């Protein structure tokens, strides 16, 4: 099955609206090829991002289905540390992402109770 992950990453104080605007661009065709190449390198099959507001700040919570969580983290770290290596506008996107986030992502302390995938789901 691979790994199913819930990951939190804190948004820098005062940067929530910019983070929302930036991350909503992930569906933009301008970033699609580079984003899919990163997902492929990470071994990610599905990734969704959610805004979570908490008493201690705002977070992006990611739901990820991947072959291996450690590979996801390793590729993510490389990409965020070397945005200049990315094609087209994706490097600028990652640099701005770095500016609105506050620290590294971390696994949510949780246990998977179930994970169902409809084998008939469209691609």
N, C-alpha and C. Protein backbone atom coordinates (compact mmCIF):
# COMPACT_ATOMS: atom_id res chain seq x y z
N UNK A 1 0.82 -1.19 0.00
CA UNK A 1 0.00 0.00 0.00
C UNK A 1 0.86 1.25 0.00
N UNK A 2 2.05 1.23 0.52
CA UNK A 2 2.83 2.45 0.65
C UNK A 2 2.46 3.16 1.93
N UNK A 3 2.73 4.45 2.00
CA UNK A 3 2.47 5.24 3.20
C UNK A 3 1.33 6.22 2.98
N UNK A 4 0.53 6.40 4.00
CA UNK A 4 -0.50 7.43 4.04
C UNK A 4 -0.09 8.36 5.17
N UNK A 5 0.09 9.64 4.86
CA UNK A 5 0.67 10.58 5.81
C UNK A 5 -0.23 11.79 6.02
N UNK A 6 -0.25 12.28 7.24
CA UNK A 6 -0.79 13.59 7.56
C UNK A 6 0.39 14.40 8.07
N UNK A 7 0.61 15.55 7.46
CA UNK A 7 1.78 16.36 7.76
C UNK A 7 1.33 17.79 8.02
N UNK A 8 1.85 18.39 9.06
CA UNK A 8 1.59 19.80 9.37
C UNK A 8 2.81 20.63 9.05
N UNK A 9 2.56 21.85 8.61
CA UNK A 9 3.64 22.83 8.47
C UNK A 9 3.07 24.18 8.87
N UNK A 10 3.74 24.82 9.81
CA UNK A 10 3.27 26.10 10.34
C UNK A 10 3.46 27.21 9.30
N UNK A 11 2.46 28.07 9.21
CA UNK A 11 2.53 29.25 8.37
C UNK A 11 3.12 30.37 9.22
N UNK A 12 4.02 31.14 8.66
CA UNK A 12 4.62 32.25 9.39
C UNK A 12 3.53 33.23 9.84
N UNK A 13 3.66 33.76 11.06
CA UNK A 13 2.66 34.71 11.55
C UNK A 13 2.45 35.87 10.57
N UNK A 14 1.17 36.16 10.31
CA UNK A 14 0.82 37.25 9.42
C UNK A 14 0.90 36.90 7.93
N UNK A 15 1.22 35.65 7.61
CA UNK A 15 1.40 35.25 6.20
C UNK A 15 0.31 34.30 5.70
N UNK A 16 -0.75 34.10 6.48
CA UNK A 16 -1.77 33.12 6.11
C UNK A 16 -2.44 33.44 4.78
N UNK A 17 -2.84 34.68 4.58
CA UNK A 17 -3.54 35.02 3.34
C UNK A 17 -2.61 34.84 2.13
N UNK A 18 -1.35 35.21 2.28
CA UNK A 18 -0.40 35.01 1.18
C UNK A 18 -0.17 33.53 0.94
N UNK A 19 -0.08 32.73 1.99
CA UNK A 19 0.08 31.28 1.83
C UNK A 19 -1.11 30.68 1.10
N UNK A 20 -2.32 31.11 1.47
CA UNK A 20 -3.53 30.62 0.78
C UNK A 20 -3.48 30.96 -0.70
N UNK A 21 -3.15 32.20 -1.01
CA UNK A 21 -3.10 32.63 -2.41
C UNK A 21 -2.03 31.87 -3.18
N UNK A 22 -0.88 31.69 -2.56
CA UNK A 22 0.22 30.99 -3.21
C UNK A 22 -0.13 29.53 -3.47
N UNK A 23 -0.59 28.83 -2.44
CA UNK A 23 -0.86 27.41 -2.59
C UNK A 23 -2.04 27.13 -3.50
N UNK A 24 -2.95 28.08 -3.63
CA UNK A 24 -4.07 27.88 -4.57
C UNK A 24 -3.59 27.88 -6.01
N UNK A 25 -2.37 28.35 -6.26
CA UNK A 25 -1.80 28.36 -7.60
C UNK A 25 -1.28 26.98 -8.04
N UNK A 26 -1.25 26.03 -7.14
CA UNK A 26 -0.71 24.71 -7.49
C UNK A 26 -1.48 24.06 -8.63
N UNK A 27 -2.73 24.43 -8.82
CA UNK A 27 -3.54 23.90 -9.92
C UNK A 27 -3.29 24.64 -11.23
N UNK A 28 -2.50 25.70 -11.19
CA UNK A 28 -2.24 26.54 -12.36
C UNK A 28 -1.40 25.76 -13.37
N UNK A 29 -1.80 25.75 -14.65
CA UNK A 29 -1.02 25.05 -15.66
C UNK A 29 0.44 25.51 -15.74
N UNK A 30 0.71 26.74 -15.32
CA UNK A 30 2.08 27.26 -15.34
C UNK A 30 3.01 26.42 -14.46
N UNK A 31 2.47 25.81 -13.43
CA UNK A 31 3.27 25.03 -12.49
C UNK A 31 3.07 23.53 -12.63
N UNK A 32 2.11 23.11 -13.44
CA UNK A 32 1.68 21.72 -13.48
C UNK A 32 2.82 20.74 -13.79
N UNK A 33 3.59 20.97 -14.84
CA UNK A 33 4.65 20.03 -15.20
C UNK A 33 5.70 19.90 -14.11
N UNK A 34 6.13 21.04 -13.55
CA UNK A 34 7.14 21.00 -12.50
C UNK A 34 6.59 20.36 -11.23
N UNK A 35 5.35 20.68 -10.89
CA UNK A 35 4.74 20.09 -9.69
C UNK A 35 4.61 18.58 -9.84
N UNK A 36 4.18 18.13 -11.00
CA UNK A 36 4.05 16.69 -11.23
C UNK A 36 5.41 16.00 -11.23
N UNK A 37 6.43 16.67 -11.73
CA UNK A 37 7.78 16.10 -11.69
C UNK A 37 8.26 15.94 -10.25
N UNK A 38 7.94 16.91 -9.40
CA UNK A 38 8.31 16.81 -7.99
C UNK A 38 7.54 15.67 -7.33
N UNK A 39 6.23 15.58 -7.59
CA UNK A 39 5.44 14.48 -7.03
C UNK A 39 6.01 13.14 -7.46
N UNK A 40 6.40 13.04 -8.72
CA UNK A 40 6.97 11.80 -9.24
C UNK A 40 8.28 11.46 -8.52
N UNK A 41 9.14 12.45 -8.33
CA UNK A 41 10.41 12.23 -7.63
C UNK A 41 10.17 11.83 -6.18
N UNK A 42 9.14 12.39 -5.56
CA UNK A 42 8.81 12.05 -4.18
C UNK A 42 8.15 10.68 -4.06
N UNK A 43 7.65 10.15 -5.18
CA UNK A 43 6.89 8.91 -5.13
C UNK A 43 5.48 9.12 -4.60
N UNK A 44 4.95 10.34 -4.78
CA UNK A 44 3.62 10.69 -4.27
C UNK A 44 2.57 10.35 -5.31
N UNK A 45 1.49 9.71 -4.85
CA UNK A 45 0.36 9.39 -5.72
C UNK A 45 -0.74 10.43 -5.58
N UNK A 46 -0.97 10.89 -4.35
CA UNK A 46 -2.01 11.87 -4.06
C UNK A 46 -1.49 12.83 -3.02
N UNK A 47 -1.74 14.13 -3.22
CA UNK A 47 -1.41 15.13 -2.22
C UNK A 47 -2.50 16.18 -2.20
N UNK A 48 -2.99 16.48 -1.03
CA UNK A 48 -3.97 17.54 -0.83
C UNK A 48 -3.48 18.41 0.31
N UNK A 49 -3.77 19.71 0.23
CA UNK A 49 -3.36 20.64 1.28
C UNK A 49 -4.59 21.33 1.84
N UNK A 50 -4.62 21.47 3.16
CA UNK A 50 -5.73 22.09 3.87
C UNK A 50 -5.19 23.17 4.79
N UNK A 51 -5.93 24.24 4.94
CA UNK A 51 -5.59 25.27 5.92
C UNK A 51 -6.22 24.88 7.24
N UNK A 52 -5.41 24.86 8.29
CA UNK A 52 -5.91 24.57 9.64
C UNK A 52 -5.53 25.73 10.54
N UNK A 53 -6.54 26.35 11.11
CA UNK A 53 -6.31 27.47 12.03
C UNK A 53 -6.35 26.93 13.46
N UNK A 54 -5.36 27.30 14.25
CA UNK A 54 -5.31 26.85 15.63
C UNK A 54 -5.03 27.99 16.57
N UNK A 55 -5.19 27.74 17.85
CA UNK A 55 -4.91 28.75 18.87
C UNK A 55 -3.45 29.18 18.84
N UNK A 56 -2.59 28.27 18.42
CA UNK A 56 -1.15 28.55 18.40
C UNK A 56 -0.64 29.00 17.04
N UNK A 57 -1.54 29.25 16.10
CA UNK A 57 -1.14 29.71 14.77
C UNK A 57 -1.85 28.94 13.68
N UNK A 58 -1.53 29.28 12.46
CA UNK A 58 -2.14 28.64 11.30
C UNK A 58 -1.16 27.67 10.67
N UNK A 59 -1.71 26.60 10.11
CA UNK A 59 -0.91 25.53 9.55
C UNK A 59 -1.47 25.10 8.20
N UNK A 60 -0.60 24.56 7.37
CA UNK A 60 -1.03 23.80 6.22
C UNK A 60 -0.93 22.34 6.64
N UNK A 61 -2.02 21.62 6.49
CA UNK A 61 -2.02 20.18 6.77
C UNK A 61 -2.12 19.47 5.43
N UNK A 62 -1.17 18.59 5.19
CA UNK A 62 -1.10 17.85 3.93
C UNK A 62 -1.57 16.41 4.16
N UNK A 63 -2.38 15.92 3.24
CA UNK A 63 -2.72 14.50 3.17
C UNK A 63 -1.92 13.96 1.99
N UNK A 64 -1.14 12.93 2.24
CA UNK A 64 -0.24 12.41 1.21
C UNK A 64 -0.34 10.89 1.15
N UNK A 65 -0.49 10.38 -0.06
CA UNK A 65 -0.35 8.94 -0.33
C UNK A 65 0.93 8.79 -1.14
N UNK A 66 1.87 8.00 -0.63
CA UNK A 66 3.17 7.89 -1.30
C UNK A 66 3.75 6.49 -1.12
N UNK A 67 4.74 6.21 -1.93
CA UNK A 67 5.45 4.93 -1.80
C UNK A 67 6.21 4.85 -0.49
N UNK A 68 6.87 5.96 -0.10
CA UNK A 68 7.71 5.95 1.09
C UNK A 68 7.80 7.37 1.66
N UNK A 69 7.36 7.55 2.89
CA UNK A 69 7.36 8.86 3.53
C UNK A 69 8.74 9.49 3.63
N UNK A 70 9.77 8.68 3.86
CA UNK A 70 11.12 9.22 3.97
C UNK A 70 11.58 9.83 2.66
N UNK A 71 11.23 9.23 1.55
CA UNK A 71 11.58 9.77 0.25
C UNK A 71 10.87 11.10 0.01
N UNK A 72 9.60 11.17 0.39
CA UNK A 72 8.85 12.42 0.26
C UNK A 72 9.59 13.53 0.99
N UNK A 73 9.98 13.28 2.22
CA UNK A 73 10.65 14.31 3.01
C UNK A 73 12.00 14.69 2.40
N UNK A 74 12.78 13.70 1.98
CA UNK A 74 14.10 13.97 1.40
C UNK A 74 14.00 14.85 0.15
N UNK A 75 13.07 14.52 -0.74
CA UNK A 75 12.91 15.31 -1.96
C UNK A 75 12.39 16.70 -1.61
N UNK A 76 11.42 16.79 -0.70
CA UNK A 76 10.89 18.08 -0.27
C UNK A 76 12.01 18.96 0.25
N UNK A 77 12.86 18.42 1.12
CA UNK A 77 13.97 19.20 1.69
C UNK A 77 14.91 19.68 0.59
N UNK A 78 15.22 18.82 -0.36
CA UNK A 78 16.11 19.21 -1.45
C UNK A 78 15.50 20.34 -2.28
N UNK A 79 14.24 20.19 -2.62
CA UNK A 79 13.56 21.19 -3.44
C UNK A 79 13.50 22.54 -2.72
N UNK A 80 13.15 22.52 -1.42
CA UNK A 80 13.01 23.78 -0.70
C UNK A 80 14.37 24.42 -0.40
N UNK A 81 15.42 23.63 -0.35
CA UNK A 81 16.75 24.18 -0.11
C UNK A 81 17.45 24.63 -1.39
N UNK A 82 16.95 24.17 -2.55
CA UNK A 82 17.57 24.49 -3.83
C UNK A 82 16.53 24.90 -4.88
N UNK A 83 15.73 25.92 -4.61
CA UNK A 83 14.70 26.31 -5.58
C UNK A 83 15.28 26.77 -6.92
N UNK A 84 16.54 27.20 -6.90
CA UNK A 84 17.18 27.65 -8.14
C UNK A 84 17.38 26.52 -9.14
N UNK A 85 17.28 25.27 -8.69
CA UNK A 85 17.44 24.12 -9.58
C UNK A 85 16.14 23.75 -10.29
N UNK A 86 15.05 24.42 -9.96
CA UNK A 86 13.75 24.06 -10.52
C UNK A 86 13.49 24.80 -11.83
N UNK A 87 12.71 24.18 -12.72
CA UNK A 87 12.43 24.81 -14.01
C UNK A 87 11.39 25.92 -13.92
N UNK A 88 11.43 26.78 -14.91
CA UNK A 88 10.41 27.81 -15.13
C UNK A 88 10.14 28.63 -13.89
N UNK A 89 8.88 28.88 -13.64
CA UNK A 89 8.47 29.72 -12.52
C UNK A 89 8.43 28.96 -11.19
N UNK A 90 8.64 27.64 -11.23
CA UNK A 90 8.53 26.85 -10.01
C UNK A 90 9.59 27.26 -8.98
N UNK A 91 10.76 27.65 -9.40
CA UNK A 91 11.79 28.10 -8.47
C UNK A 91 11.34 29.32 -7.69
N UNK A 92 10.73 30.29 -8.37
CA UNK A 92 10.21 31.48 -7.70
C UNK A 92 9.07 31.12 -6.76
N UNK A 93 8.23 30.18 -7.20
CA UNK A 93 7.13 29.71 -6.36
C UNK A 93 7.67 29.12 -5.05
N UNK A 94 8.68 28.26 -5.15
CA UNK A 94 9.24 27.61 -3.96
C UNK A 94 9.93 28.64 -3.07
N UNK A 95 10.61 29.60 -3.66
CA UNK A 95 11.24 30.65 -2.85
C UNK A 95 10.18 31.43 -2.06
N UNK A 96 9.05 31.72 -2.70
CA UNK A 96 7.98 32.42 -1.99
C UNK A 96 7.33 31.51 -0.94
N UNK A 97 7.19 30.23 -1.27
CA UNK A 97 6.69 29.25 -0.31
C UNK A 97 7.56 29.27 0.95
N UNK A 98 8.87 29.26 0.75
CA UNK A 98 9.80 29.30 1.88
C UNK A 98 9.58 30.55 2.74
N UNK A 99 9.22 31.66 2.10
CA UNK A 99 9.04 32.93 2.82
C UNK A 99 7.76 32.96 3.65
N UNK A 100 6.75 32.18 3.28
CA UNK A 100 5.49 32.22 4.02
C UNK A 100 5.35 31.09 5.04
N UNK A 101 6.23 30.11 4.97
CA UNK A 101 6.17 29.00 5.92
C UNK A 101 7.15 29.24 7.05
N UNK A 102 6.87 28.62 8.20
CA UNK A 102 7.66 28.84 9.40
C UNK A 102 8.15 27.49 9.92
N UNK A 103 9.25 27.02 9.37
CA UNK A 103 9.82 25.76 9.83
C UNK A 103 9.49 24.59 8.94
N UNK A 104 10.08 23.46 9.31
CA UNK A 104 9.92 22.23 8.54
C UNK A 104 8.56 21.58 8.79
N UNK A 105 8.09 20.81 7.83
CA UNK A 105 6.87 20.03 8.05
C UNK A 105 7.17 18.89 9.02
N UNK A 106 6.13 18.44 9.68
CA UNK A 106 6.28 17.31 10.60
C UNK A 106 5.03 16.44 10.56
N UNK A 107 5.22 15.18 10.86
CA UNK A 107 4.11 14.24 10.86
C UNK A 107 3.15 14.58 11.99
N UNK A 108 1.85 14.51 11.68
CA UNK A 108 0.82 14.67 12.70
C UNK A 108 0.83 13.40 13.55
N UNK A 109 0.76 13.58 14.85
CA UNK A 109 0.74 12.44 15.77
C UNK A 109 -0.63 11.78 15.66
N UNK A 110 -0.73 10.77 14.82
CA UNK A 110 -2.01 10.11 14.59
C UNK A 110 -1.77 8.68 14.10
N UNK A 111 -2.79 7.87 14.22
CA UNK A 111 -2.76 6.50 13.71
C UNK A 111 -3.81 6.38 12.62
N UNK A 112 -3.46 5.74 11.53
CA UNK A 112 -4.43 5.49 10.46
C UNK A 112 -5.39 4.42 10.96
N UNK A 113 -6.67 4.74 11.00
CA UNK A 113 -7.68 3.77 11.41
C UNK A 113 -8.19 2.99 10.21
N UNK A 114 -8.30 3.66 9.09
CA UNK A 114 -8.61 2.97 7.84
C UNK A 114 -8.20 3.86 6.69
N UNK A 115 -8.00 3.24 5.55
CA UNK A 115 -7.68 3.95 4.32
C UNK A 115 -8.28 3.14 3.19
N UNK A 116 -9.32 3.66 2.60
CA UNK A 116 -10.00 2.98 1.51
C UNK A 116 -9.73 3.70 0.20
N UNK A 117 -9.52 2.95 -0.84
CA UNK A 117 -9.38 3.50 -2.17
C UNK A 117 -10.29 2.72 -3.09
N UNK A 118 -11.15 3.42 -3.76
CA UNK A 118 -12.03 2.78 -4.73
C UNK A 118 -11.21 2.41 -5.95
N UNK A 119 -11.09 1.13 -6.27
CA UNK A 119 -10.28 0.73 -7.42
C UNK A 119 -10.84 1.24 -8.74
N UNK A 120 -12.08 1.70 -8.73
CA UNK A 120 -12.70 2.22 -9.94
C UNK A 120 -12.60 3.72 -10.06
N UNK A 121 -11.88 4.37 -9.14
CA UNK A 121 -11.79 5.83 -9.20
C UNK A 121 -11.09 6.25 -10.48
N UNK A 122 -11.58 7.34 -11.08
CA UNK A 122 -10.93 7.80 -12.31
C UNK A 122 -9.54 8.33 -12.02
N UNK A 123 -8.71 8.28 -13.02
CA UNK A 123 -7.33 8.76 -12.88
C UNK A 123 -7.27 10.24 -12.82
